[in-house]
Amino acid sequence: MSFLEVLLHNSFDNRFRIFFSGLAKGIRDNARNGEVTLGAWGHALSSARDKLYAYTRARPPSRTLVDPLDAFIATFLKSQGEYAASVRAAVEAVEATKYLAASVGRTAYIAKDVLETERVPDPGAWGVKVILENL
């Protein structure tokens, strides 16, 4: 089993399935003559985020995978598709999870004092960062 399979299976598989399903539908719905423009990617990313939000209470800042996903998408839309800037925004959002209290997700079950002492980023957010940095 690959690292990605372990990460997806153990951490945030259902939410990522929802997101990628929404992304695939968004790409299909916004492609014109088989071409997927930056605008189509933006619409697809936005609709995938909306689809995910229909199934989770998590909204930034939440110390979940939603934080870097939302930062990436918001920057992608604002910058008209500048991928590197969008990834930087996602990385910053991941780093910020070190200082957030957990209110939803698996990290919410970890004692607050442990999170404050260890200052580690949210694992799901870290997984999003790794994926985005390697696309």
C-alpha atoms as a PDB file:
ATOM      1  CA  MET A   1       0.000   0.000   0.000  1.00  0.00           C
ATOM      2  CA  SER A   2       1.430   3.398  -0.968  1.00  0.00           C
ATOM      3  CA  PHE A   3       1.830   6.354   1.380  1.00  0.00           C
ATOM      4  CA  LEU A   4      -1.074   8.127  -0.325  1.00  0.00           C
ATOM      5  CA  GLU A   5      -3.343   5.086   0.039  1.00  0.00           C
ATOM      6  CA  VAL A   6      -2.525   4.852   3.753  1.00  0.00           C
ATOM      7  CA  LEU A   7      -3.081   8.587   4.202  1.00  0.00           C
ATOM      8  CA  LEU A   8      -6.398   8.563   2.360  1.00  0.00           C
ATOM      9  CA  HIS A   9      -7.598   5.390   4.052  1.00  0.00           C
ATOM     10  CA  ASN A  10      -6.694   6.424   7.575  1.00  0.00           C
ATOM     11  CA  SER A  11      -7.252  10.152   7.627  1.00  0.00           C
ATOM     12  CA  PHE A  12      -9.754  11.804   5.361  1.00  0.00           C
ATOM     13  CA  ASP A  13     -10.860   9.399   2.681  1.00  0.00           C
ATOM     14  CA  ASN A  14     -14.575  10.199   2.670  1.00  0.00           C
ATOM     15  CA  ARG A  15     -14.125  13.951   2.544  1.00  0.00           C
ATOM     16  CA  PHE A  16     -11.591  13.646  -0.250  1.00  0.00           C
ATOM     17  CA  ARG A  17     -13.876  11.329  -2.193  1.00  0.00           C
ATOM     18  CA  ILE A  18     -16.617  13.944  -1.925  1.00  0.00           C
ATOM     19  CA  PHE A  19     -14.235  16.712  -2.981  1.00  0.00           C
ATOM     20  CA  PHE A  20     -12.755  14.843  -5.955  1.00  0.00           C
ATOM     21  CA  SER A  21     -16.173  13.652  -7.078  1.00  0.00           C
ATOM     22  CA  GLY A  22     -17.343  17.281  -7.046  1.00  0.00           C
ATOM     23  CA  LEU A  23     -14.155  18.342  -8.851  1.00  0.00           C
ATOM     24  CA  ALA A  24     -14.638  15.757 -11.599  1.00  0.00           C
ATOM     25  CA  LYS A  25     -18.250  16.841 -12.078  1.00  0.00           C
ATOM     26  CA  GLY A  26     -17.213  20.489 -12.100  1.00  0.00           C
ATOM     27  CA  ILE A  27     -14.563  19.852 -14.751  1.00  0.00           C
ATOM     28  CA  ARG A  28     -17.024  17.878 -16.861  1.00  0.00           C
ATOM     29  CA  ASP A  29     -19.673  20.595 -16.524  1.00  0.00           C
ATOM     30  CA  ASN A  30     -17.304  23.497 -17.280  1.00  0.00           C
ATOM     31  CA  ALA A  31     -15.122  22.084 -20.066  1.00  0.00           C
ATOM     32  CA  ARG A  32     -15.856  23.529 -23.483  1.00  0.00           C
ATOM     33  CA  ASN A  33     -15.170  21.402 -26.548  1.00  0.00           C
ATOM     34  CA  GLY A  34     -12.979  19.125 -24.460  1.00  0.00           C
ATOM     35  CA  GLU A  35     -10.825  22.030 -23.255  1.00  0.00           C
ATOM     36  CA  VAL A  36     -10.457  22.750 -19.559  1.00  0.00           C
ATOM     37  CA  THR A  37      -9.428  26.390 -19.171  1.00  0.00           C
ATOM     38  CA  LEU A  38      -8.200  28.074 -15.998  1.00  0.00           C
ATOM     39  CA  GLY A  39     -11.687  29.487 -15.634  1.00  0.00           C
ATOM     40  CA  ALA A  40     -13.160  26.001 -15.865  1.00  0.00           C
ATOM     41  CA  TRP A  41     -10.698  24.792 -13.206  1.00  0.00           C
ATOM     42  CA  GLY A  42     -11.727  27.682 -10.974  1.00  0.00           C
ATOM     43  CA  HIS A  43     -15.426  26.881 -11.331  1.00  0.00           C
ATOM     44  CA  ALA A  44     -14.740  23.188 -10.778  1.00  0.00           C
ATOM     45  CA  LEU A  45     -12.678  23.826  -7.641  1.00  0.00           C
ATOM     46  CA  SER A  46     -15.324  26.164  -6.269  1.00  0.00           C
ATOM     47  CA  SER A  47     -18.139  23.688  -6.917  1.00  0.00           C
ATOM     48  CA  ALA A  48     -16.092  20.863  -5.365  1.00  0.00           C
ATOM     49  CA  ARG A  49     -15.583  22.960  -2.222  1.00  0.00           C
ATOM     50  CA  ASP A  50     -19.333  23.689  -2.112  1.00  0.00           C
ATOM     51  CA  LYS A  51     -20.060  19.981  -2.450  1.00  0.00           C
ATOM     52  CA  LEU A  52     -17.675  19.206   0.412  1.00  0.00           C
ATOM     53  CA  TYR A  53     -19.268  21.921   2.560  1.00  0.00           C
ATOM     54  CA  ALA A  54     -22.636  20.242   2.083  1.00  0.00           C
ATOM     55  CA  TYR A  55     -21.268  17.225   3.977  1.00  0.00           C
ATOM     56  CA  THR A  56     -19.076  18.740   6.707  1.00  0.00           C
ATOM     57  CA  ARG A  57     -19.441  21.359   9.417  1.00  0.00           C
ATOM     58  CA  ALA A  58     -15.763  22.296   9.036  1.00  0.00           C
ATOM     59  CA  ARG A  59     -15.090  25.809   7.786  1.00  0.00           C
ATOM     60  CA  PRO A  60     -11.811  27.680   8.017  1.00  0.00           C
ATOM     61  CA  PRO A  61     -10.259  28.068  10.476  1.00  0.00           C
ATOM     62  CA  SER A  62     -11.100  24.590  11.720  1.00  0.00           C
ATOM     63  CA  ARG A  63      -7.803  22.658  12.050  1.00  0.00           C
ATOM     64  CA  THR A  64      -8.902  20.268   9.294  1.00  0.00           C
ATOM     65  CA  LEU A  65      -8.135  19.579   5.640  1.00  0.00           C
ATOM     66  CA  VAL A  66     -10.673  22.301   4.833  1.00  0.00           C
ATOM     67  CA  ASP A  67      -8.177  25.016   5.846  1.00  0.00           C
ATOM     68  CA  PRO A  68      -5.598  24.459   3.082  1.00  0.00           C
ATOM     69  CA  LEU A  69      -8.223  23.426   0.520  1.00  0.00           C
ATOM     70  CA  ASP A  70     -10.157  26.636   1.050  1.00  0.00           C
ATOM     71  CA  ALA A  71      -6.989  28.765   1.017  1.00  0.00           C
ATOM     72  CA  PHE A  72      -5.814  27.097  -2.194  1.00  0.00           C
ATOM     73  CA  ILE A  73      -9.162  27.551  -3.945  1.00  0.00           C
ATOM     74  CA  ALA A  74      -9.690  31.139  -2.775  1.00  0.00           C
ATOM     75  CA  THR A  75      -6.212  32.123  -3.956  1.00  0.00           C
ATOM     76  CA  PHE A  76      -6.593  30.229  -7.229  1.00  0.00           C
ATOM     77  CA  LEU A  77      -9.793  32.146  -7.962  1.00  0.00           C
ATOM     78  CA  LYS A  78      -8.427  35.518  -6.833  1.00  0.00           C
ATOM     79  CA  SER A  79      -5.136  35.116  -8.736  1.00  0.00           C
ATOM     80  CA  GLN A  80      -6.864  33.784 -11.859  1.00  0.00           C
ATOM     81  CA  GLY A  81      -5.182  30.422 -11.675  1.00  0.00           C
ATOM     82  CA  GLU A  82      -1.720  31.168 -10.316  1.00  0.00           C
ATOM     83  CA  TYR A  83      -0.856  27.708  -9.022  1.00  0.00           C
ATOM     84  CA  ALA A  84       2.330  28.543  -7.101  1.00  0.00           C
ATOM     85  CA  ALA A  85       0.637  31.355  -5.171  1.00  0.00           C
ATOM     86  CA  SER A  86      -2.309  29.063  -4.445  1.00  0.00           C
ATOM     87  CA  VAL A  87      -0.012  26.357  -3.065  1.00  0.00           C
ATOM     88  CA  ARG A  88       1.785  28.941  -0.893  1.00  0.00           C
ATOM     89  CA  ALA A  89      -1.574  30.000   0.555  1.00  0.00           C
ATOM     90  CA  ALA A  90      -2.392  26.359   1.301  1.00  0.00           C
ATOM     91  CA  VAL A  91       0.989  25.818   2.983  1.00  0.00           C
ATOM     92  CA  GLU A  92       0.417  28.904   5.149  1.00  0.00           C
ATOM     93  CA  ALA A  93      -3.005  27.557   6.115  1.00  0.00           C
ATOM     94  CA  VAL A  94      -1.439  24.219   7.101  1.00  0.00           C
ATOM     95  CA  GLU A  95       1.140  25.982   9.271  1.00  0.00           C
ATOM     96  CA  ALA A  96      -1.638  27.993  10.908  1.00  0.00           C
ATOM     97  CA  THR A  97      -3.361  24.770  12.008  1.00  0.00           C
ATOM     98  CA  LYS A  98      -0.549  24.355  14.557  1.00  0.00           C
ATOM     99  CA  TYR A  99      -2.065  27.224  16.527  1.00  0.00           C
ATOM    100  CA  LEU A 100      -5.759  26.456  16.116  1.00  0.00           C
ATOM    101  CA  ALA A 101      -7.979  24.775  18.640  1.00  0.00           C
ATOM    102  CA  ALA A 102      -9.686  21.703  17.245  1.00  0.00           C
ATOM    103  CA  SER A 103     -13.459  21.892  17.144  1.00  0.00           C
ATOM    104  CA  VAL A 104     -14.315  19.264  14.516  1.00  0.00           C
ATOM    105  CA  GLY A 105     -12.562  16.253  13.034  1.00  0.00           C
ATOM    106  CA  ARG A 106     -10.425  13.636  14.717  1.00  0.00           C
ATOM    107  CA  THR A 107      -8.083  16.161  16.297  1.00  0.00           C
ATOM    108  CA  ALA A 108     -11.012  17.426  18.404  1.00  0.00           C
ATOM    109  CA  TYR A 109     -10.597  14.270  20.510  1.00  0.00           C
ATOM    110  CA  ILE A 110      -7.000  15.128  21.464  1.00  0.00           C
ATOM    111  CA  ALA A 111      -6.512  17.028  24.701  1.00  0.00           C
ATOM    112  CA  LYS A 112      -6.152  20.778  24.140  1.00  0.00           C
ATOM    113  CA  ASP A 113      -2.975  20.977  26.241  1.00  0.00           C
ATOM    114  CA  VAL A 114      -1.311  18.290  24.102  1.00  0.00           C
ATOM    115  CA  LEU A 115      -2.071  20.240  20.916  1.00  0.00           C
ATOM    116  CA  GLU A 116      -0.763  23.441  22.491  1.00  0.00           C
ATOM    117  CA  THR A 117       2.445  21.748  23.666  1.00  0.00           C
ATOM    118  CA  GLU A 118       3.216  19.741  20.525  1.00  0.00           C
ATOM    119  CA  ARG A 119       2.224  22.404  17.954  1.00  0.00           C
ATOM    120  CA  VAL A 120       1.937  19.946  15.076  1.00  0.00           C
ATOM    121  CA  PRO A 121      -0.157  20.701  12.010  1.00  0.00           C
ATOM    122  CA  ASP A 122      -3.401  18.899  11.417  1.00  0.00           C
ATOM    123  CA  PRO A 123      -2.659  15.576   9.650  1.00  0.00           C
ATOM    124  CA  GLY A 124      -5.435  15.977   7.072  1.00  0.00           C
ATOM    125  CA  ALA A 125      -4.282  19.507   6.290  1.00  0.00           C
ATOM    126  CA  TRP A 126      -0.719  18.196   5.958  1.00  0.00           C
ATOM    127  CA  GLY A 127      -1.936  15.561   3.498  1.00  0.00           C
ATOM    128  CA  VAL A 128      -3.562  18.261   1.338  1.00  0.00           C
ATOM    129  CA  LYS A 129      -0.271  20.196   1.395  1.00  0.00           C
ATOM    130  CA  VAL A 130       1.723  17.168   0.265  1.00  0.00           C
ATOM    131  CA  ILE A 131      -0.687  16.478  -2.592  1.00  0.00           C
ATOM    132  CA  LEU A 132      -0.753  20.099  -3.791  1.00  0.00           C
ATOM    133  CA  GLU A 133       3.037  20.467  -3.594  1.00  0.00           C
ATOM    134  CA  ASN A 134       3.497  17.377  -5.736  1.00  0.00           C
ATOM    135  CA  LEU A 135       0.974  17.982  -8.505  1.00  0.00           C
END
